[in-house]
Amino acid sequence: MKWFMKMFGFKSGIEKKKDKLKKLQDKAFQAQRNGNLRLAGKYFLEAENLETEIIDEELNNENR
């Protein structure tokens, strides 16, 4: 069933969060590069919180 979901572009909750994490990390990198450290810090904090959620969900899925 997983191959069917991937074939049509459906993503699980964890995959969506990983995509959002990558986008946040890219935004933080660009903000830092442009010298806007306050905005970069905001993005890094959001990314860190999201990363923690992803890890918790993956651990919960493994324990099932």
PDB file of N, CA and C in Angstrom:
ATOM      1  N   MET A   1       0.810  -1.185   0.000  1.00  0.00           N
ATOM      2  CA  MET A   1       0.000   0.000   0.000  1.00  0.00           C
ATOM      3  C   MET A   1       0.866   1.266   0.000  1.00  0.00           C
ATOM      4  N   LYS A   2       2.044   1.200   0.640  1.00  0.00           N
ATOM      5  CA  LYS A   2       2.913   2.368   0.700  1.00  0.00           C
ATOM      6  C   LYS A   2       3.375   2.789  -0.693  1.00  0.00           C
ATOM      7  N   TRP A   3       3.659   1.815  -1.547  1.00  0.00           N
ATOM      8  CA  TRP A   3       4.104   2.146  -2.900  1.00  0.00           C
ATOM      9  C   TRP A   3       3.009   2.875  -3.665  1.00  0.00           C
ATOM     10  N   PHE A   4       1.760   2.500  -3.415  1.00  0.00           N
ATOM     11  CA  PHE A   4       0.626   3.137  -4.069  1.00  0.00           C
ATOM     12  C   PHE A   4       0.512   4.593  -3.641  1.00  0.00           C
ATOM     13  N   MET A   5       0.698   4.839  -2.346  1.00  0.00           N
ATOM     14  CA  MET A   5       0.624   6.198  -1.815  1.00  0.00           C
ATOM     15  C   MET A   5       1.742   7.064  -2.400  1.00  0.00           C
ATOM     16  N   LYS A   6       2.950   6.503  -2.478  1.00  0.00           N
ATOM     17  CA  LYS A   6       4.078   7.258  -3.026  1.00  0.00           C
ATOM     18  C   LYS A   6       3.897   7.532  -4.509  1.00  0.00           C
ATOM     19  N   MET A   7       3.307   6.567  -5.221  1.00  0.00           N
ATOM     20  CA  MET A   7       3.126   6.707  -6.653  1.00  0.00           C
ATOM     21  C   MET A   7       2.235   7.908  -6.981  1.00  0.00           C
ATOM     22  N   PHE A   8       1.227   8.145  -6.168  1.00  0.00           N
ATOM     23  CA  PHE A   8       0.303   9.238  -6.411  1.00  0.00           C
ATOM     24  C   PHE A   8       0.624  10.492  -5.604  1.00  0.00           C
ATOM     25  N   GLY A   9       1.747  10.489  -4.891  1.00  0.00           N
ATOM     26  CA  GLY A   9       2.204  11.688  -4.209  1.00  0.00           C
ATOM     27  C   GLY A   9       1.599  11.940  -2.847  1.00  0.00           C
ATOM     28  N   PHE A  10       0.926  10.961  -2.286  1.00  0.00           N
ATOM     29  CA  PHE A  10       0.384  11.121  -0.941  1.00  0.00           C
ATOM     30  C   PHE A  10       1.505  10.942   0.070  1.00  0.00           C
ATOM     31  N   LYS A  11       1.518  11.798   1.095  1.00  0.00           N
ATOM     32  CA  LYS A  11       2.574  11.737   2.093  1.00  0.00           C
ATOM     33  C   LYS A  11       1.972  11.518   3.478  1.00  0.00           C
ATOM     34  N   SER A  12       2.728  10.839   4.301  1.00  0.00           N
ATOM     35  CA  SER A  12       2.298  10.646   5.675  1.00  0.00           C
ATOM     36  C   SER A  12       2.553  11.931   6.458  1.00  0.00           C
ATOM     37  N   GLY A  13       2.074  11.953   7.673  1.00  0.00           N
ATOM     38  CA  GLY A  13       2.264  13.124   8.513  1.00  0.00           C
ATOM     39  C   GLY A  13       3.731  13.405   8.781  1.00  0.00           C
ATOM     40  N   ILE A  14       4.502  12.352   8.986  1.00  0.00           N
ATOM     41  CA  ILE A  14       5.929  12.512   9.263  1.00  0.00           C
ATOM     42  C   ILE A  14       6.653  13.054   8.034  1.00  0.00           C
ATOM     43  N   GLU A  15       6.308  12.555   6.855  1.00  0.00           N
ATOM     44  CA  GLU A  15       6.946  13.039   5.629  1.00  0.00           C
ATOM     45  C   GLU A  15       6.632  14.513   5.393  1.00  0.00           C
ATOM     46  N   LYS A  16       5.400  14.932   5.681  1.00  0.00           N
ATOM     47  CA  LYS A  16       5.027  16.340   5.530  1.00  0.00           C
ATOM     48  C   LYS A  16       5.831  17.206   6.492  1.00  0.00           C
ATOM     49  N   LYS A  17       5.992  16.710   7.719  1.00  0.00           N
ATOM     50  CA  LYS A  17       6.756  17.468   8.708  1.00  0.00           C
ATOM     51  C   LYS A  17       8.229  17.553   8.323  1.00  0.00           C
ATOM     52  N   LYS A  18       8.759  16.490   7.729  1.00  0.00           N
ATOM     53  CA  LYS A  18      10.153  16.533   7.282  1.00  0.00           C
ATOM     54  C   LYS A  18      10.345  17.544   6.160  1.00  0.00           C
ATOM     55  N   ASP A  19       9.366  17.639   5.258  1.00  0.00           N
ATOM     56  CA  ASP A  19       9.434  18.639   4.192  1.00  0.00           C
ATOM     57  C   ASP A  19       9.398  20.048   4.781  1.00  0.00           C
ATOM     58  N   LYS A  20       8.512  20.252   5.753  1.00  0.00           N
ATOM     59  CA  LYS A  20       8.404  21.562   6.390  1.00  0.00           C
ATOM     60  C   LYS A  20       9.692  21.892   7.150  1.00  0.00           C
ATOM     61  N   LEU A  21      10.303  20.882   7.774  1.00  0.00           N
ATOM     62  CA  LEU A  21      11.559  21.075   8.490  1.00  0.00           C
ATOM     63  C   LEU A  21      12.656  21.529   7.540  1.00  0.00           C
ATOM     64  N   LYS A  22      12.735  20.897   6.390  1.00  0.00           N
ATOM     65  CA  LYS A  22      13.755  21.287   5.398  1.00  0.00           C
ATOM     66  C   LYS A  22      13.556  22.728   4.952  1.00  0.00           C
ATOM     67  N   LYS A  23      12.299  23.118   4.717  1.00  0.00           N
ATOM     68  CA  LYS A  23      12.012  24.486   4.292  1.00  0.00           C
ATOM     69  C   LYS A  23      12.389  25.489   5.385  1.00  0.00           C
ATOM     70  N   LEU A  24      12.086  25.159   6.637  1.00  0.00           N
ATOM     71  CA  LEU A  24      12.442  26.052   7.739  1.00  0.00           C
ATOM     72  C   LEU A  24      13.954  26.196   7.867  1.00  0.00           C
ATOM     73  N   GLN A  25      14.668  25.094   7.715  1.00  0.00           N
ATOM     74  CA  GLN A  25      16.125  25.151   7.807  1.00  0.00           C
ATOM     75  C   GLN A  25      16.710  25.983   6.671  1.00  0.00           C
ATOM     76  N   ASP A  26      16.143  25.860   5.485  1.00  0.00           N
ATOM     77  CA  ASP A  26      16.607  26.669   4.351  1.00  0.00           C
ATOM     78  C   ASP A  26      16.332  28.154   4.590  1.00  0.00           C
ATOM     79  N   LYS A  27      15.139  28.462   5.112  1.00  0.00           N
ATOM     80  CA  LYS A  27      14.806  29.854   5.407  1.00  0.00           C
ATOM     81  C   LYS A  27      15.754  30.425   6.468  1.00  0.00           C
ATOM     82  N   ALA A  28      16.050  29.626   7.494  1.00  0.00           N
ATOM     83  CA  ALA A  28      16.949  30.075   8.552  1.00  0.00           C
ATOM     84  C   ALA A  28      18.348  30.330   7.996  1.00  0.00           C
ATOM     85  N   PHE A  29      18.806  29.461   7.129  1.00  0.00           N
ATOM     86  CA  PHE A  29      20.123  29.626   6.528  1.00  0.00           C
ATOM     87  C   PHE A  29      20.186  30.908   5.705  1.00  0.00           C
ATOM     88  N   GLN A  30      19.144  31.140   4.900  1.00  0.00           N
ATOM     89  CA  GLN A  30      19.122  32.336   4.064  1.00  0.00           C
ATOM     90  C   GLN A  30      19.038  33.613   4.908  1.00  0.00           C
ATOM     91  N   ALA A  31      18.242  33.578   5.967  1.00  0.00           N
ATOM     92  CA  ALA A  31      18.124  34.741   6.841  1.00  0.00           C
ATOM     93  C   ALA A  31      19.461  35.031   7.522  1.00  0.00           C
ATOM     94  N   GLN A  32      20.134  33.982   7.955  1.00  0.00           N
ATOM     95  CA  GLN A  32      21.434  34.146   8.606  1.00  0.00           C
ATOM     96  C   GLN A  32      22.452  34.703   7.612  1.00  0.00           C
ATOM     97  N   ARG A  33      22.397  34.213   6.415  1.00  0.00           N
ATOM     98  CA  ARG A  33      23.308  34.672   5.373  1.00  0.00           C
ATOM     99  C   ARG A  33      23.093  36.141   5.026  1.00  0.00           C
ATOM    100  N   ASN A  34      21.836  36.569   5.112  1.00  0.00           N
ATOM    101  CA  ASN A  34      21.502  37.958   4.811  1.00  0.00           C
ATOM    102  C   ASN A  34      21.732  38.884   6.006  1.00  0.00           C
ATOM    103  N   GLY A  35      22.143  38.331   7.140  1.00  0.00           N
ATOM    104  CA  GLY A  35      22.458  39.135   8.311  1.00  0.00           C
ATOM    105  C   GLY A  35      21.294  39.366   9.246  1.00  0.00           C
ATOM    106  N   ASN A  36      20.156  38.755   8.987  1.00  0.00           N
ATOM    107  CA  ASN A  36      18.993  38.914   9.855  1.00  0.00           C
ATOM    108  C   ASN A  36      18.993  37.785  10.890  1.00  0.00           C
ATOM    109  N   LEU A  37      19.784  37.973  11.939  1.00  0.00           N
ATOM    110  CA  LEU A  37      19.978  36.912  12.919  1.00  0.00           C
ATOM    111  C   LEU A  37      18.735  36.671  13.774  1.00  0.00           C
ATOM    112  N   ARG A  38      17.946  37.695  13.997  1.00  0.00           N
ATOM    113  CA  ARG A  38      16.717  37.524  14.785  1.00  0.00           C
ATOM    114  C   ARG A  38      15.751  36.589  14.052  1.00  0.00           C
ATOM    115  N   LEU A  39      15.565  36.826  12.764  1.00  0.00           N
ATOM    116  CA  LEU A  39      14.681  35.972  11.962  1.00  0.00           C
ATOM    117  C   LEU A  39      15.264  34.565  11.837  1.00  0.00           C
ATOM    118  N   ALA A  40      16.571  34.478  11.669  1.00  0.00           N
ATOM    119  CA  ALA A  40      17.221  33.164  11.583  1.00  0.00           C
ATOM    120  C   ALA A  40      17.000  32.377  12.865  1.00  0.00           C
ATOM    121  N   GLY A  41      17.135  33.039  14.004  1.00  0.00           N
ATOM    122  CA  GLY A  41      16.910  32.378  15.290  1.00  0.00           C
ATOM    123  C   GLY A  41      15.484  31.883  15.433  1.00  0.00           C
ATOM    124  N   LYS A  42      14.541  32.686  14.945  1.00  0.00           N
ATOM    125  CA  LYS A  42      13.129  32.285  14.992  1.00  0.00           C
ATOM    126  C   LYS A  42      12.911  31.013  14.181  1.00  0.00           C
ATOM    127  N   TYR A  43      13.475  30.994  12.961  1.00  0.00           N
ATOM    128  CA  TYR A  43      13.322  29.815  12.113  1.00  0.00           C
ATOM    129  C   TYR A  43      14.026  28.597  12.707  1.00  0.00           C
ATOM    130  N   PHE A  44      15.214  28.799  13.270  1.00  0.00           N
ATOM    131  CA  PHE A  44      15.932  27.680  13.877  1.00  0.00           C
ATOM    132  C   PHE A  44      15.162  27.108  15.062  1.00  0.00           C
ATOM    133  N   LEU A  45      14.529  27.974  15.858  1.00  0.00           N
ATOM    134  CA  LEU A  45      13.745  27.505  16.997  1.00  0.00           C
ATOM    135  C   LEU A  45      12.541  26.694  16.527  1.00  0.00           C
ATOM    136  N   GLU A  46      11.840  27.192  15.499  1.00  0.00           N
ATOM    137  CA  GLU A  46      10.708  26.443  14.945  1.00  0.00           C
ATOM    138  C   GLU A  46      11.171  25.097  14.398  1.00  0.00           C
ATOM    139  N   ALA A  47      12.308  25.096  13.718  1.00  0.00           N
ATOM    140  CA  ALA A  47      12.843  23.864  13.138  1.00  0.00           C
ATOM    141  C   ALA A  47      13.205  22.870  14.236  1.00  0.00           C
ATOM    142  N   GLU A  48      13.787  23.365  15.315  1.00  0.00           N
ATOM    143  CA  GLU A  48      14.167  22.482  16.414  1.00  0.00           C
ATOM    144  C   GLU A  48      12.937  21.849  17.059  1.00  0.00           C
ATOM    145  N   ASN A  49      11.887  22.643  17.263  1.00  0.00           N
ATOM    146  CA  ASN A  49      10.650  22.114  17.839  1.00  0.00           C
ATOM    147  C   ASN A  49      10.013  21.077  16.920  1.00  0.00           C
ATOM    148  N   LEU A  50      10.011  21.359  15.637  1.00  0.00           N
ATOM    149  CA  LEU A  50       9.443  20.424  14.663  1.00  0.00           C
ATOM    150  C   LEU A  50      10.257  19.139  14.602  1.00  0.00           C
ATOM    151  N   GLU A  51      11.577  19.276  14.695  1.00  0.00           N
ATOM    152  CA  GLU A  51      12.448  18.099  14.681  1.00  0.00           C
ATOM    153  C   GLU A  51      12.170  17.211  15.888  1.00  0.00           C
ATOM    154  N   THR A  52      11.924  17.824  17.030  1.00  0.00           N
ATOM    155  CA  THR A  52      11.590  17.065  18.239  1.00  0.00           C
ATOM    156  C   THR A  52      10.272  16.314  18.052  1.00  0.00           C
ATOM    157  N   GLU A  53       9.283  16.977  17.440  1.00  0.00           N
ATOM    158  CA  GLU A  53       8.001  16.316  17.166  1.00  0.00           C
ATOM    159  C   GLU A  53       8.193  15.107  16.247  1.00  0.00           C
ATOM    160  N   ILE A  54       9.003  15.277  15.220  1.00  0.00           N
ATOM    161  CA  ILE A  54       9.248  14.193  14.265  1.00  0.00           C
ATOM    162  C   ILE A  54       9.889  13.002  14.970  1.00  0.00           C
ATOM    163  N   ILE A  55      10.883  13.270  15.795  1.00  0.00           N
ATOM    164  CA  ILE A  55      11.572  12.192  16.508  1.00  0.00           C
ATOM    165  C   ILE A  55      10.610  11.472  17.434  1.00  0.00           C
ATOM    166  N   ASP A  56       9.773  12.222  18.150  1.00  0.00           N
ATOM    167  CA  ASP A  56       8.796  11.606  19.051  1.00  0.00           C
ATOM    168  C   ASP A  56       7.809  10.731  18.284  1.00  0.00           C
ATOM    169  N   GLU A  57       7.327  11.227  17.143  1.00  0.00           N
ATOM    170  CA  GLU A  57       6.382  10.435  16.342  1.00  0.00           C
ATOM    171  C   GLU A  57       7.028   9.162  15.819  1.00  0.00           C
ATOM    172  N   GLU A  58       8.280   9.262  15.360  1.00  0.00           N
ATOM    173  CA  GLU A  58       8.964   8.083  14.846  1.00  0.00           C
ATOM    174  C   GLU A  58       9.183   7.057  15.950  1.00  0.00           C
ATOM    175  N   LEU A  59       9.514   7.520  17.149  1.00  0.00           N
ATOM    176  CA  LEU A  59       9.698   6.595  18.270  1.00  0.00           C
ATOM    177  C   LEU A  59       8.371   5.923  18.637  1.00  0.00           C
ATOM    178  N   ASN A  60       7.278   6.687  18.605  1.00  0.00           N
ATOM    179  CA  ASN A  60       5.971   6.120  18.907  1.00  0.00           C
ATOM    180  C   ASN A  60       5.564   5.092  17.860  1.00  0.00           C
ATOM    181  N   ASN A  61       5.884   5.339  16.595  1.00  0.00           N
ATOM    182  CA  ASN A  61       5.555   4.393  15.531  1.00  0.00           C
ATOM    183  C   ASN A  61       6.379   3.117  15.658  1.00  0.00           C
ATOM    184  N   GLU A  62       7.611   3.224  16.127  1.00  0.00           N
ATOM    185  CA  GLU A  62       8.446   2.040  16.292  1.00  0.00           C
ATOM    186  C   GLU A  62       7.937   1.159  17.432  1.00  0.00           C
ATOM    187  N   ASN A  63       7.383   1.778  18.455  1.00  0.00           N
ATOM    188  CA  ASN A  63       6.914   1.038  19.627  1.00  0.00           C
ATOM    189  C   ASN A  63       5.586   0.341  19.382  1.00  0.00           C
ATOM    190  N   ARG A  64       4.905   0.650  18.319  1.00  0.00           N
ATOM    191  CA  ARG A  64       3.611   0.012  18.040  1.00  0.00           C
ATOM    192  C   ARG A  64       3.785  -1.365  17.549  1.00  0.00           C
TER     193      ARG A  64
END
